[in-house]
Protein backbone atom coordinates (compact mmCIF):
# COMPACT_ATOMS: atom_id res chain seq x y z
CA UNK A 1 283.85 -19.61 129.61
CA UNK A 2 281.55 -22.62 129.71
CA UNK A 3 279.24 -23.52 126.88
CA UNK A 4 276.66 -26.26 126.39
CA UNK A 5 276.94 -28.13 123.12
CA UNK A 6 274.43 -30.55 121.62
CA UNK A 7 276.34 -32.81 119.24
CA UNK A 8 274.86 -34.26 116.07
CA UNK A 9 277.35 -36.78 114.71
CA UNK A 10 277.57 -38.37 111.25
CA UNK A 11 276.37 -35.25 109.38
CA UNK A 12 277.26 -34.36 105.80
CA UNK A 13 278.42 -30.84 106.68
CA UNK A 14 280.35 -29.54 109.69
CA UNK A 15 279.38 -26.42 111.54
CA UNK A 16 277.82 -24.68 114.50
CA UNK A 17 274.35 -23.33 115.02
CA UNK A 18 274.41 -20.93 117.96
CA UNK A 19 271.21 -20.71 119.98
CA UNK A 20 272.69 -18.22 122.45
CA UNK A 21 276.15 -17.09 123.51
CA UNK A 22 276.59 -20.17 125.71
CA UNK A 23 274.54 -22.80 123.82
CA UNK A 24 275.06 -24.29 120.39
CA UNK A 25 274.40 -27.29 118.19
CA UNK A 26 277.51 -28.82 116.61
CA UNK A 27 277.17 -30.82 113.41
CA UNK A 28 280.10 -33.21 113.04
CA UNK A 29 281.15 -35.57 110.26
CA UNK A 30 282.74 -38.14 112.58
CA UNK A 31 280.96 -41.07 114.14
CA UNK A 32 280.90 -41.18 117.95
CA UNK A 33 283.32 -44.13 118.07
CA UNK A 34 286.51 -44.16 120.16
CA UNK A 35 286.24 -40.42 120.90
CA UNK A 36 286.55 -39.30 117.27
CA UNK A 37 283.52 -37.02 117.49
CA UNK A 38 284.90 -35.46 120.69
CA UNK A 39 288.25 -34.81 118.99
CA UNK A 40 286.52 -33.24 116.00
CA UNK A 41 284.41 -31.07 118.32
CA UNK A 42 287.48 -29.80 120.19
CA UNK A 43 289.22 -29.01 116.90
CA UNK A 44 286.24 -27.10 115.51
CA UNK A 45 285.76 -25.14 118.73
CA UNK A 46 289.46 -24.24 118.80
CA UNK A 47 289.28 -22.95 115.24
CA UNK A 48 286.04 -21.04 115.88
CA UNK A 49 287.26 -19.30 119.06
CA UNK A 50 290.88 -18.86 117.92
CA UNK A 51 292.46 -20.84 120.76
CA UNK A 52 294.55 -24.01 120.90
CA UNK A 53 293.04 -27.45 121.41
CA UNK A 54 294.70 -27.63 124.84
CA UNK A 55 292.60 -24.67 126.00
CA UNK A 56 289.36 -26.55 125.36
CA UNK A 57 288.20 -29.20 127.79
CA UNK A 58 285.05 -31.31 127.77
CA UNK A 59 283.91 -31.04 131.40
CA UNK A 60 280.92 -33.37 131.24
CA UNK A 61 279.08 -35.49 128.70
CA UNK A 62 282.02 -37.43 127.25
CA UNK A 63 279.69 -40.22 126.08
CA UNK A 64 276.53 -38.10 125.75
CA UNK A 65 275.33 -35.96 122.90
CA UNK A 66 274.92 -33.00 125.28
CA UNK A 67 278.28 -31.77 126.54
CA UNK A 68 279.56 -29.00 128.78
CA UNK A 69 282.75 -27.55 127.36
CA UNK A 70 285.11 -25.13 129.10
CA UNK A 71 287.20 -22.75 127.01
CA UNK A 72 290.07 -21.00 128.77
CA UNK A 73 292.10 -17.92 127.74
CA UNK A 74 289.27 -16.17 125.92
CA UNK A 75 289.63 -12.40 125.86
């Protein structure tokens, strides 16, 4: 499953705001420095979907605030 995520870094509260089944806004506490926001995003997505971090891959947008993320092994 592929989803599009718009990342808002350096927020006071973490969480997701789902626009549709495949689009969401992710509010992260981390700053986008040295991949910390990407790591936090992967961890939050893993917890939300009940999969491991290894099953989540950022396909595009590694340095952008709009990312395409692929989640494998979803039932």
